[in-house]
């Protein structure tokens, strides 16, 4: 069985990530529950 890197890194499967009602000011991507977005700048 192949190791799932997303589970190893974040503790859950990618489709179970919850997103906040906040958009990143840099890329307009959604901010997830850990404060990450598509471009990596997060909500700062």
Protein backbone atom coordinates (compact mmCIF):
# COMPACT_ATOMS: atom_id res chain seq x y z
CA UNK A 1 0.00 0.00 0.00
CA UNK A 2 1.31 3.43 -0.97
CA UNK A 3 1.89 5.99 1.78
CA UNK A 4 -0.36 9.05 1.53
CA UNK A 5 1.91 12.10 1.90
CA UNK A 6 -1.00 14.45 2.67
CA UNK A 7 -2.04 12.30 5.62
CA UNK A 8 1.57 12.07 6.76
CA UNK A 9 2.07 15.84 6.58
CA UNK A 10 -1.31 17.16 7.75
CA UNK A 11 -2.96 14.27 9.61
CA UNK A 12 -5.97 13.94 7.30
CA UNK A 13 -6.94 13.17 3.72
CA UNK A 14 -7.04 16.12 1.32
CA UNK A 15 -10.80 15.90 0.77
CA UNK A 16 -11.46 16.24 4.51
CA UNK A 17 -9.74 19.64 4.84
CA UNK A 18 -12.10 22.35 6.06
CA UNK A 19 -11.90 25.84 4.59
CA UNK A 20 -12.65 29.14 6.29
CA UNK A 21 -14.74 31.95 4.83
CA UNK A 22 -11.55 33.95 4.25
CA UNK A 23 -9.74 34.51 0.96
CA UNK A 24 -6.00 35.05 0.64
CA UNK A 25 -5.20 38.68 -0.27
CA UNK A 26 -2.35 37.52 -2.53
CA UNK A 27 -3.91 34.73 -4.63
CA UNK A 28 -7.64 34.92 -3.76
CA UNK A 29 -7.49 31.23 -2.79
CA UNK A 30 -9.41 29.87 0.17
CA UNK A 31 -7.67 29.73 3.55
CA UNK A 32 -7.89 26.31 5.18
CA UNK A 33 -8.30 25.44 8.85
CA UNK A 34 -4.52 25.53 9.37
CA UNK A 35 -4.10 28.98 7.79
CA UNK A 36 -2.71 27.80 4.44
CA UNK A 37 -3.74 28.81 0.92
CA UNK A 38 -2.67 28.03 -2.67
CA UNK A 39 0.29 30.41 -2.78
CA UNK A 40 1.57 29.65 0.71
CA UNK A 41 1.29 33.18 2.08
CA UNK A 42 -1.73 32.22 4.20
CA UNK A 43 -3.91 34.81 5.83
CA UNK A 44 -1.07 37.20 6.72
